[in-house]
Full PDB file with SEQRES, HELIX, SHEET, SSBOND, CRYST1, ORIGX, SCALE, CONECT and MASTER records, all heavy atoms in Angstrom:
SEQRES   1 A   39  LEU PRO GLU PRO VAL GLU ILE ARG MET THR ALA GLU ALA          
SEQRES   2 A   39  VAL THR ASP THR ARG LEU ALA SER THR ILE SER THR GLY          
SEQRES   3 A   39  GLY ALA LYS VAL GLN THR VAL GLU HIS LEU MET SER ALA          
HELIX    1 AA1 ALA A   11  ALA A   13  5                                   3    
HELIX    2 AA2 GLU A   34  SER A   38  1                                   5    
SHEET    1 AA1 3 VAL A  14  ASP A  16  0                                        
SHEET    2 AA1 3 THR A  22  THR A  25 -1                                        
SHEET    3 AA1 3 ALA A  28  GLN A  31 -1                                        
CRYST1    1.000    1.000    1.000  90.00  90.00  90.00 P 1           1          
ORIGX1      1.000000  0.000000  0.000000        0.00000                         
ORIGX2      0.000000  1.000000  0.000000        0.00000                         
ORIGX3      0.000000  0.000000  1.000000        0.00000                         
SCALE1      1.000000  0.000000  0.000000        0.00000                         
SCALE2      0.000000  1.000000  0.000000        0.00000                         
SCALE3      0.000000  0.000000  1.000000        0.00000                         
ATOM      1  N   LEU A   1       0.832  -1.207   0.000  1.00  0.00           N  
ATOM      2  CA  LEU A   1       0.000   0.000   0.000  1.00  0.00           C  
ATOM      3  C   LEU A   1       0.867   1.259   0.000  1.00  0.00           C  
ATOM      4  O   LEU A   1       2.020   1.218   0.460  1.00  0.00           O  
ATOM      5  CB  LEU A   1      -0.925  -0.014   1.219  1.00  0.00           C  
ATOM      6  CG  LEU A   1      -1.904  -1.201   1.289  1.00  0.00           C  
ATOM      7  CD1 LEU A   1      -2.697  -1.165   2.584  1.00  0.00           C  
ATOM      8  CD2 LEU A   1      -2.821  -1.196   0.077  1.00  0.00           C  
ATOM      9  N   PRO A   2       0.346   2.384  -0.511  1.00  0.00           N  
ATOM     10  CA  PRO A   2       1.123   3.637  -0.540  1.00  0.00           C  
ATOM     11  C   PRO A   2       1.692   3.994   0.829  1.00  0.00           C  
ATOM     12  O   PRO A   2       2.831   4.443   0.942  1.00  0.00           O  
ATOM     13  CB  PRO A   2       0.082   4.670  -1.002  1.00  0.00           C  
ATOM     14  CG  PRO A   2      -0.899   3.875  -1.804  1.00  0.00           C  
ATOM     15  CD  PRO A   2      -0.986   2.536  -1.130  1.00  0.00           C  
ATOM     16  N   GLU A   3       0.874   3.774   1.876  1.00  0.00           N  
ATOM     17  CA  GLU A   3       1.339   3.896   3.257  1.00  0.00           C  
ATOM     18  C   GLU A   3       1.106   2.548   3.928  1.00  0.00           C  
ATOM     19  O   GLU A   3      -0.044   2.147   4.129  1.00  0.00           O  
ATOM     20  CB  GLU A   3       0.578   4.998   4.003  1.00  0.00           C  
ATOM     21  CG  GLU A   3       0.873   6.400   3.492  1.00  0.00           C  
ATOM     22  CD  GLU A   3       0.229   7.462   4.362  1.00  0.00           C  
ATOM     23  OE1 GLU A   3      -0.294   7.099   5.446  1.00  0.00           O  
ATOM     24  OE2 GLU A   3       0.238   8.632   3.962  1.00  0.00           O  
ATOM     25  N   PRO A   4       2.174   1.800   4.242  1.00  0.00           N  
ATOM     26  CA  PRO A   4       2.024   0.465   4.826  1.00  0.00           C  
ATOM     27  C   PRO A   4       1.085   0.472   6.030  1.00  0.00           C  
ATOM     28  O   PRO A   4       1.106   1.385   6.855  1.00  0.00           O  
ATOM     29  CB  PRO A   4       3.453   0.102   5.240  1.00  0.00           C  
ATOM     30  CG  PRO A   4       4.305   0.868   4.277  1.00  0.00           C  
ATOM     31  CD  PRO A   4       3.593   2.171   4.060  1.00  0.00           C  
ATOM     32  N   VAL A   5       0.237  -0.560   6.112  1.00  0.00           N  
ATOM     33  CA  VAL A   5      -0.753  -0.680   7.180  1.00  0.00           C  
ATOM     34  C   VAL A   5      -0.476  -1.940   7.988  1.00  0.00           C  
ATOM     35  O   VAL A   5      -0.226  -3.006   7.417  1.00  0.00           O  
ATOM     36  CB  VAL A   5      -2.188  -0.726   6.610  1.00  0.00           C  
ATOM     37  CG1 VAL A   5      -3.198  -0.974   7.727  1.00  0.00           C  
ATOM     38  CG2 VAL A   5      -2.508   0.561   5.869  1.00  0.00           C  
ATOM     39  N   GLU A   6      -0.525  -1.821   9.326  1.00  0.00           N  
ATOM     40  CA  GLU A   6      -0.354  -2.959  10.210  1.00  0.00           C  
ATOM     41  C   GLU A   6      -1.716  -3.468  10.670  1.00  0.00           C  
ATOM     42  O   GLU A   6      -2.593  -2.680  11.023  1.00  0.00           O  
ATOM     43  CB  GLU A   6       0.489  -2.589  11.431  1.00  0.00           C  
ATOM     44  CG  GLU A   6       1.933  -2.260  11.097  1.00  0.00           C  
ATOM     45  CD  GLU A   6       2.787  -2.099  12.355  1.00  0.00           C  
ATOM     46  OE1 GLU A   6       2.198  -2.054  13.465  1.00  0.00           O  
ATOM     47  OE2 GLU A   6       4.019  -2.035  12.217  1.00  0.00           O  
ATOM     48  N   ILE A   7      -1.884  -4.790  10.639  1.00  0.00           N  
ATOM     49  CA  ILE A   7      -3.117  -5.423  11.116  1.00  0.00           C  
ATOM     50  C   ILE A   7      -2.722  -6.456  12.157  1.00  0.00           C  
ATOM     51  O   ILE A   7      -2.073  -7.455  11.844  1.00  0.00           O  
ATOM     52  CB  ILE A   7      -3.903  -6.095   9.983  1.00  0.00           C  
ATOM     53  CG1 ILE A   7      -4.137  -5.113   8.824  1.00  0.00           C  
ATOM     54  CG2 ILE A   7      -5.229  -6.626  10.513  1.00  0.00           C  
ATOM     55  CD1 ILE A   7      -4.824  -5.737   7.623  1.00  0.00           C  
ATOM     56  N   ARG A   8      -3.107  -6.201  13.402  1.00  0.00           N  
ATOM     57  CA  ARG A   8      -2.770  -7.125  14.484  1.00  0.00           C  
ATOM     58  C   ARG A   8      -3.690  -8.343  14.443  1.00  0.00           C  
ATOM     59  O   ARG A   8      -4.903  -8.217  14.277  1.00  0.00           O  
ATOM     60  CB  ARG A   8      -2.884  -6.414  15.830  1.00  0.00           C  
ATOM     61  CG  ARG A   8      -2.446  -7.263  17.031  1.00  0.00           C  
ATOM     62  CD  ARG A   8      -2.517  -6.452  18.302  1.00  0.00           C  
ATOM     63  NE  ARG A   8      -1.586  -5.326  18.230  1.00  0.00           N  
ATOM     64  CZ  ARG A   8      -0.293  -5.406  18.514  1.00  0.00           C  
ATOM     65  NH1 ARG A   8       0.224  -6.583  18.880  1.00  0.00           N  
ATOM     66  NH2 ARG A   8       0.474  -4.356  18.428  1.00  0.00           N  
ATOM     67  N   MET A   9      -3.110  -9.534  14.582  1.00  0.00           N  
ATOM     68  CA  MET A   9      -3.883 -10.777  14.539  1.00  0.00           C  
ATOM     69  C   MET A   9      -4.585 -10.993  15.877  1.00  0.00           C  
ATOM     70  O   MET A   9      -4.016 -11.517  16.834  1.00  0.00           O  
ATOM     71  CB  MET A   9      -2.944 -11.946  14.231  1.00  0.00           C  
ATOM     72  CG  MET A   9      -3.627 -13.280  14.013  1.00  0.00           C  
ATOM     73  SD  MET A   9      -4.661 -13.333  12.555  1.00  0.00           S  
ATOM     74  CE  MET A   9      -6.269 -13.594  13.291  1.00  0.00           C  
ATOM     75  N   THR A  10      -5.837 -10.579  15.940  1.00  0.00           N  
ATOM     76  CA  THR A  10      -6.668 -10.789  17.117  1.00  0.00           C  
ATOM     77  C   THR A  10      -8.034 -11.286  16.662  1.00  0.00           C  
ATOM     78  O   THR A  10      -8.402 -11.156  15.492  1.00  0.00           O  
ATOM     79  CB  THR A  10      -6.866  -9.489  17.918  1.00  0.00           C  
ATOM     80  OG1 THR A  10      -7.588  -8.549  17.107  1.00  0.00           O  
ATOM     81  CG2 THR A  10      -5.522  -8.886  18.322  1.00  0.00           C  
ATOM     82  N   ALA A  11      -8.798 -11.836  17.588  1.00  0.00           N  
ATOM     83  CA  ALA A  11     -10.152 -12.297  17.252  1.00  0.00           C  
ATOM     84  C   ALA A  11     -11.007 -11.128  16.776  1.00  0.00           C  
ATOM     85  O   ALA A  11     -11.843 -11.276  15.876  1.00  0.00           O  
ATOM     86  CB  ALA A  11     -10.791 -12.962  18.466  1.00  0.00           C  
ATOM     87  N   GLU A  12     -10.783  -9.955  17.363  1.00  0.00           N  
ATOM     88  CA  GLU A  12     -11.579  -8.776  17.007  1.00  0.00           C  
ATOM     89  C   GLU A  12     -11.283  -8.290  15.593  1.00  0.00           C  
ATOM     90  O   GLU A  12     -12.095  -7.574  14.992  1.00  0.00           O  
ATOM     91  CB  GLU A  12     -11.321  -7.639  18.008  1.00  0.00           C  
ATOM     92  CG  GLU A  12     -11.831  -7.886  19.413  1.00  0.00           C  
ATOM     93  CD  GLU A  12     -10.977  -8.871  20.211  1.00  0.00           C  
ATOM     94  OE1 GLU A  12      -9.813  -9.094  19.816  1.00  0.00           O  
ATOM     95  OE2 GLU A  12     -11.480  -9.412  21.212  1.00  0.00           O  
ATOM     96  N   ALA A  13     -10.134  -8.666  15.053  1.00  0.00           N  
ATOM     97  CA  ALA A  13      -9.752  -8.216  13.712  1.00  0.00           C  
ATOM     98  C   ALA A  13     -10.396  -9.056  12.611  1.00  0.00           C  
ATOM     99  O   ALA A  13     -10.358  -8.674  11.444  1.00  0.00           O  
ATOM    100  CB  ALA A  13      -8.233  -8.241  13.556  1.00  0.00           C  
ATOM    101  N   VAL A  14     -10.980 -10.209  12.964  1.00  0.00           N  
ATOM    102  CA  VAL A  14     -11.602 -11.082  11.964  1.00  0.00           C  
ATOM    103  C   VAL A  14     -12.905 -10.453  11.481  1.00  0.00           C  
ATOM    104  O   VAL A  14     -13.808 -10.177  12.279  1.00  0.00           O  
ATOM    105  CB  VAL A  14     -11.876 -12.479  12.539  1.00  0.00           C  
ATOM    106  CG1 VAL A  14     -12.586 -13.359  11.504  1.00  0.00           C  
ATOM    107  CG2 VAL A  14     -10.576 -13.139  12.982  1.00  0.00           C  
ATOM    108  N   THR A  15     -13.002 -10.222  10.171  1.00  0.00           N  
ATOM    109  CA  THR A  15     -14.175  -9.553   9.607  1.00  0.00           C  
ATOM    110  C   THR A  15     -14.953 -10.420   8.619  1.00  0.00           C  
ATOM    111  O   THR A  15     -16.052 -10.052   8.220  1.00  0.00           O  
ATOM    112  CB  THR A  15     -13.755  -8.252   8.901  1.00  0.00           C  
ATOM    113  OG1 THR A  15     -12.712  -8.543   7.953  1.00  0.00           O  
ATOM    114  CG2 THR A  15     -13.236  -7.236   9.905  1.00  0.00           C  
ATOM    115  N   ASP A  16     -14.406 -11.562   8.214  1.00  0.00           N  
ATOM    116  CA  ASP A  16     -15.105 -12.435   7.281  1.00  0.00           C  
ATOM    117  C   ASP A  16     -14.559 -13.847   7.417  1.00  0.00           C  
ATOM    118  O   ASP A  16     -13.345 -14.035   7.576  1.00  0.00           O  
ATOM    119  CB  ASP A  16     -14.919 -11.936   5.845  1.00  0.00           C  
ATOM    120  CG  ASP A  16     -15.947 -12.540   4.882  1.00  0.00           C  
ATOM    121  OD1 ASP A  16     -16.697 -13.440   5.299  1.00  0.00           O  
ATOM    122  OD2 ASP A  16     -15.985 -12.108   3.712  1.00  0.00           O  
ATOM    123  N   THR A  17     -15.437 -14.837   7.352  1.00  0.00           N  
ATOM    124  CA  THR A  17     -15.003 -16.238   7.425  1.00  0.00           C  
ATOM    125  C   THR A  17     -15.613 -17.073   6.306  1.00  0.00           C  
ATOM    126  O   THR A  17     -15.624 -18.300   6.380  1.00  0.00           O  
ATOM    127  CB  THR A  17     -15.386 -16.859   8.784  1.00  0.00           C  
ATOM    128  OG1 THR A  17     -16.804 -16.727   8.991  1.00  0.00           O  
ATOM    129  CG2 THR A  17     -14.648 -16.182   9.929  1.00  0.00           C  
ATOM    130  N   ARG A  18     -16.105 -16.441   5.258  1.00  0.00           N  
ATOM    131  CA  ARG A  18     -16.669 -17.165   4.124  1.00  0.00           C  
ATOM    132  C   ARG A  18     -15.541 -17.677   3.227  1.00  0.00           C  
ATOM    133  O   ARG A  18     -14.802 -16.906   2.639  1.00  0.00           O  
ATOM    134  CB  ARG A  18     -17.601 -16.262   3.333  1.00  0.00           C  
ATOM    135  CG  ARG A  18     -18.873 -15.866   4.079  1.00  0.00           C  
ATOM    136  CD  ARG A  18     -19.633 -14.800   3.339  1.00  0.00           C  
ATOM    137  NE  ARG A  18     -18.853 -13.570   3.225  1.00  0.00           N  
ATOM    138  CZ  ARG A  18     -19.263 -12.485   2.567  1.00  0.00           C  
ATOM    139  NH1 ARG A  18     -20.430 -12.490   1.951  1.00  0.00           N  
ATOM    140  NH2 ARG A  18     -18.489 -11.404   2.527  1.00  0.00           N  
ATOM    141  N   LEU A  19     -15.373 -18.993   3.182  1.00  0.00           N  
ATOM    142  CA  LEU A  19     -14.349 -19.678   2.375  1.00  0.00           C  
ATOM    143  C   LEU A  19     -12.930 -19.470   2.876  1.00  0.00           C  
ATOM    144  O   LEU A  19     -12.031 -20.231   2.538  1.00  0.00           O  
ATOM    145  CB  LEU A  19     -14.438 -19.252   0.894  1.00  0.00           C  
ATOM    146  CG  LEU A  19     -15.771 -19.500   0.205  1.00  0.00           C  
ATOM    147  CD1 LEU A  19     -15.706 -19.025  -1.247  1.00  0.00           C  
ATOM    148  CD2 LEU A  19     -16.156 -20.977   0.243  1.00  0.00           C  
ATOM    149  N   ALA A  20     -12.702 -18.432   3.665  1.00  0.00           N  
ATOM    150  CA  ALA A  20     -11.368 -18.164   4.217  1.00  0.00           C  
ATOM    151  C   ALA A  20     -11.522 -17.214   5.392  1.00  0.00           C  
ATOM    152  O   ALA A  20     -12.553 -16.559   5.550  1.00  0.00           O  
ATOM    153  CB  ALA A  20     -10.458 -17.545   3.153  1.00  0.00           C  
ATOM    154  N   SER A  21     -10.485 -17.138   6.236  1.00  0.00           N  
ATOM    155  CA  SER A  21     -10.505 -16.204   7.365  1.00  0.00           C  
ATOM    156  C   SER A  21      -9.825 -14.906   6.946  1.00  0.00           C  
ATOM    157  O   SER A  21      -8.685 -14.917   6.476  1.00  0.00           O  
ATOM    158  CB  SER A  21      -9.780 -16.808   8.574  1.00  0.00           C  
ATOM    159  OG  SER A  21     -10.441 -17.976   9.015  1.00  0.00           O  
ATOM    160  N   THR A  22     -10.548 -13.797   7.135  1.00  0.00           N  
ATOM    161  CA  THR A  22     -10.049 -12.480   6.728  1.00  0.00           C  
ATOM    162  C   THR A  22      -9.962 -11.571   7.937  1.00  0.00           C  
ATOM    163  O   THR A  22     -10.867 -11.516   8.767  1.00  0.00           O  
ATOM    164  CB  THR A  22     -10.992 -11.836   5.689  1.00  0.00           C  
ATOM    165  OG1 THR A  22     -11.066 -12.677   4.543  1.00  0.00           O  
ATOM    166  CG2 THR A  22     -10.496 -10.459   5.276  1.00  0.00           C  
ATOM    167  N   ILE A  23      -8.835 -10.848   8.043  1.00  0.00           N  
ATOM    168  CA  ILE A  23      -8.688  -9.830   9.076  1.00  0.00           C  
ATOM    169  C   ILE A  23      -8.546  -8.482   8.389  1.00  0.00           C  
ATOM    170  O   ILE A  23      -8.071  -8.400   7.250  1.00  0.00           O  
ATOM    171  CB  ILE A  23      -7.466 -10.088   9.988  1.00  0.00           C  
ATOM    172  CG1 ILE A  23      -6.174 -10.131   9.177  1.00  0.00           C  
ATOM    173  CG2 ILE A  23      -7.654 -11.398  10.758  1.00  0.00           C  
ATOM    174  CD1 ILE A  23      -4.913 -10.218  10.027  1.00  0.00           C  
ATOM    175  N   SER A  24      -8.958  -7.431   9.072  1.00  0.00           N  
ATOM    176  CA  SER A  24      -8.881  -6.117   8.443  1.00  0.00           C  
ATOM    177  C   SER A  24      -8.836  -5.016   9.487  1.00  0.00           C  
ATOM    178  O   SER A  24      -9.183  -5.220  10.659  1.00  0.00           O  
ATOM    179  CB  SER A  24     -10.078  -5.895   7.512  1.00  0.00           C  
ATOM    180  OG  SER A  24     -11.280  -5.870   8.243  1.00  0.00           O  
ATOM    181  N   THR A  25      -8.405  -3.846   9.027  1.00  0.00           N  
ATOM    182  CA  THR A  25      -8.469  -2.624   9.817  1.00  0.00           C  
ATOM    183  C   THR A  25      -8.623  -1.479   8.838  1.00  0.00           C  
ATOM    184  O   THR A  25      -7.882  -1.396   7.845  1.00  0.00           O  
ATOM    185  CB  THR A  25      -7.214  -2.420  10.690  1.00  0.00           C  
ATOM    186  OG1 THR A  25      -7.365  -1.229  11.465  1.00  0.00           O  
ATOM    187  CG2 THR A  25      -5.953  -2.313   9.865  1.00  0.00           C  
ATOM    188  N   GLY A  26      -9.615  -0.614   9.075  1.00  0.00           N  
ATOM    189  CA  GLY A  26      -9.875   0.442   8.116  1.00  0.00           C  
ATOM    190  C   GLY A  26     -10.238  -0.164   6.768  1.00  0.00           C  
ATOM    191  O   GLY A  26     -11.062  -1.059   6.663  1.00  0.00           O  
ATOM    192  N   GLY A  27      -9.572   0.274   5.720  1.00  0.00           N  
ATOM    193  CA  GLY A  27      -9.824  -0.272   4.395  1.00  0.00           C  
ATOM    194  C   GLY A  27      -8.852  -1.341   3.968  1.00  0.00           C  
ATOM    195  O   GLY A  27      -8.929  -1.853   2.842  1.00  0.00           O  
ATOM    196  N   ALA A  28      -7.926  -1.716   4.835  1.00  0.00           N  
ATOM    197  CA  ALA A  28      -6.913  -2.725   4.497  1.00  0.00           C  
ATOM    198  C   ALA A  28      -7.308  -4.077   5.071  1.00  0.00           C  
ATOM    199  O   ALA A  28      -7.835  -4.172   6.180  1.00  0.00           O  
ATOM    200  CB  ALA A  28      -5.553  -2.316   5.041  1.00  0.00           C  
ATOM    201  N   LYS A  29      -7.037  -5.142   4.300  1.00  0.00           N  
ATOM    202  CA  LYS A  29      -7.377  -6.483   4.760  1.00  0.00           C  
ATOM    203  C   LYS A  29      -6.311  -7.478   4.331  1.00  0.00           C  
ATOM    204  O   LYS A  29      -5.508  -7.218   3.435  1.00  0.00           O  
ATOM    205  CB  LYS A  29      -8.725  -6.916   4.194  1.00  0.00           C  
ATOM    206  CG  LYS A  29      -8.722  -7.174   2.690  1.00  0.00           C  
ATOM    207  CD  LYS A  29     -10.070  -7.673   2.213  1.00  0.00           C  
ATOM    208  CE  LYS A  29     -10.043  -7.975   0.694  1.00  0.00           C  
ATOM    209  NZ  LYS A  29     -11.351  -8.483   0.216  1.00  0.00           N  
ATOM    210  N   VAL A  30      -6.318  -8.642   4.989  1.00  0.00           N  
ATOM    211  CA  VAL A  30      -5.516  -9.796   4.583  1.00  0.00           C  
ATOM    212  C   VAL A  30      -6.413 -11.008   4.724  1.00  0.00           C  
ATOM    213  O   VAL A  30      -6.984 -11.253   5.790  1.00  0.00           O  
ATOM    214  CB  VAL A  30      -4.255  -9.976   5.445  1.00  0.00           C  
ATOM    215  CG1 VAL A  30      -3.486 -11.220   4.984  1.00  0.00           C  
ATOM    216  CG2 VAL A  30      -3.357  -8.760   5.378  1.00  0.00           C  
ATOM    217  N   GLN A  31      -6.551 -11.778   3.655  1.00  0.00           N  
ATOM    218  CA  GLN A  31      -7.425 -12.946   3.690  1.00  0.00           C  
ATOM    219  C   GLN A  31      -6.645 -14.250   3.595  1.00  0.00           C  
ATOM    220  O   GLN A  31      -5.473 -14.266   3.241  1.00  0.00           O  
ATOM    221  CB  GLN A  31      -8.470 -12.867   2.582  1.00  0.00           C  
ATOM    222  CG  GLN A  31      -7.905 -12.722   1.178  1.00  0.00           C  
ATOM    223  CD  GLN A  31      -8.995 -12.623   0.124  1.00  0.00           C  
ATOM    224  OE1 GLN A  31     -10.096 -13.169   0.283  1.00  0.00           O  
ATOM    225  NE2 GLN A  31      -8.718 -11.929  -0.966  1.00  0.00           N  
ATOM    226  N   THR A  32      -7.318 -15.329   3.930  1.00  0.00           N  
ATOM    227  CA  THR A  32      -6.754 -16.688   3.935  1.00  0.00           C  
ATOM    228  C   THR A  32      -5.542 -16.773   4.868  1.00  0.00           C  
ATOM    229  O   THR A  32      -4.472 -17.248   4.500  1.00  0.00           O  
ATOM    230  CB  THR A  32      -6.369 -17.132   2.503  1.00  0.00           C  
ATOM    231  OG1 THR A  32      -7.358 -16.678   1.572  1.00  0.00           O  
ATOM    232  CG2 THR A  32      -6.303 -18.657   2.405  1.00  0.00           C  
ATOM    233  N   VAL A  33      -5.743 -16.326   6.104  1.00  0.00           N  
ATOM    234  CA  VAL A  33      -4.655 -16.337   7.087  1.00  0.00           C  
ATOM    235  C   VAL A  33      -4.604 -17.644   7.878  1.00  0.00           C  
ATOM    236  O   VAL A  33      -3.653 -17.889   8.625  1.00  0.00           O  
ATOM    237  CB  VAL A  33      -4.799 -15.160   8.076  1.00  0.00           C  
ATOM    238  CG1 VAL A  33      -4.794 -13.831   7.333  1.00  0.00           C  
ATOM    239  CG2 VAL A  33      -6.062 -15.289   8.922  1.00  0.00           C  
ATOM    240  N   GLU A  34      -5.611 -18.528   7.712  1.00  0.00           N  
ATOM    241  CA  GLU A  34      -5.776 -19.653   8.624  1.00  0.00           C  
ATOM    242  C   GLU A  34      -4.649 -20.682   8.582  1.00  0.00           C  
ATOM    243  O   GLU A  34      -4.281 -21.251   9.620  1.00  0.00           O  
ATOM    244  CB  GLU A  34      -7.126 -20.346   8.384  1.00  0.00           C  
ATOM    245  CG  GLU A  34      -7.367 -20.871   6.982  1.00  0.00           C  
ATOM    246  CD  GLU A  34      -8.039 -19.862   6.066  1.00  0.00           C  
ATOM    247  OE1 GLU A  34      -7.947 -18.637   6.311  1.00  0.00           O  
ATOM    248  OE2 GLU A  34      -8.648 -20.300   5.076  1.00  0.00           O  
ATOM    249  N   HIS A  35      -4.063 -20.959   7.424  1.00  0.00           N  
ATOM    250  CA  HIS A  35      -3.002 -21.967   7.358  1.00  0.00           C  
ATOM    251  C   HIS A  35      -1.723 -21.477   8.030  1.00  0.00           C  
ATOM    252  O   HIS A  35      -1.070 -22.226   8.771  1.00  0.00           O  
ATOM    253  CB  HIS A  35      -2.719 -22.342   5.901  1.00  0.00           C  
ATOM    254  CG  HIS A  35      -3.896 -22.939   5.210  1.00  0.00           C  
ATOM    255  ND1 HIS A  35      -4.009 -22.982   3.834  1.00  0.00           N  
ATOM    256  CD2 HIS A  35      -5.025 -23.521   5.685  1.00  0.00           C  
ATOM    257  CE1 HIS A  35      -5.158 -23.562   3.507  1.00  0.00           C  
ATOM    258  NE2 HIS A  35      -5.778 -23.892   4.612  1.00  0.00           N  
ATOM    259  N   LEU A  36      -1.380 -20.225   7.800  1.00  0.00           N  
ATOM    260  CA  LEU A  36      -0.209 -19.651   8.454  1.00  0.00           C  
ATOM    261  C   LEU A  36      -0.420 -19.567   9.962  1.00  0.00           C  
ATOM    262  O   LEU A  36       0.486 -19.861  10.748  1.00  0.00           O  
ATOM    263  CB  LEU A  36       0.083 -18.265   7.867  1.00  0.00           C  
ATOM    264  CG  LEU A  36       1.230 -17.465   8.501  1.00  0.00           C  
ATOM    265  CD1 LEU A  36       2.508 -18.273   8.573  1.00  0.00           C  
ATOM    266  CD2 LEU A  36       1.445 -16.161   7.733  1.00  0.00           C  
ATOM    267  N   MET A  37      -1.625 -19.192  10.391  1.00  0.00           N  
ATOM    268  CA  MET A  37      -1.907 -19.106  11.825  1.00  0.00           C  
ATOM    269  C   MET A  37      -1.878 -20.480  12.485  1.00  0.00           C  
ATOM    270  O   MET A  37      -1.465 -20.627  13.638  1.00  0.00           O  
ATOM    271  CB  MET A  37      -3.262 -18.439  12.052  1.00  0.00           C  
ATOM    272  CG  MET A  37      -3.299 -16.962  11.696  1.00  0.00           C  
ATOM    273  SD  MET A  37      -2.075 -15.966  12.621  1.00  0.00           S  
ATOM    274  CE  MET A  37      -0.736 -15.884  11.424  1.00  0.00           C  
ATOM    275  N   SER A  38      -2.309 -21.523  11.760  1.00  0.00           N  
ATOM    276  CA  SER A  38      -2.238 -22.882  12.289  1.00  0.00           C  
ATOM    277  C   SER A  38      -0.788 -23.292  12.532  1.00  0.00           C  
ATOM    278  O   SER A  38      -0.458 -23.908  13.547  1.00  0.00           O  
ATOM    279  CB  SER A  38      -2.909 -23.858  11.320  1.00  0.00           C  
ATOM    280  OG  SER A  38      -2.785 -25.183  11.781  1.00  0.00           O  
ATOM    281  N   ALA A  39       0.090 -22.937  11.582  1.00  0.00           N  
ATOM    282  CA  ALA A  39       1.513 -23.249  11.740  1.00  0.00           C  
ATOM    283  C   ALA A  39       2.097 -22.523  12.944  1.00  0.00           C  
ATOM    284  O   ALA A  39       2.867 -23.099  13.719  1.00  0.00           O  
ATOM    285  CB  ALA A  39       2.269 -22.871  10.463  1.00  0.00           C  
TER     286      ALA A  39                                                      
MASTER        0    0    0    2    3    0    0    6  285    1    0    3          
END                                                                             
């Protein structure tokens, strides 16, 4: 992103779980985090 955005991995950051787990803050998101989080 033009200005890098940090998204802390917390339960409150989860905004979608359809087909994948997505975390977000503001307008920035990261999806399909579940396999990395399992590791």
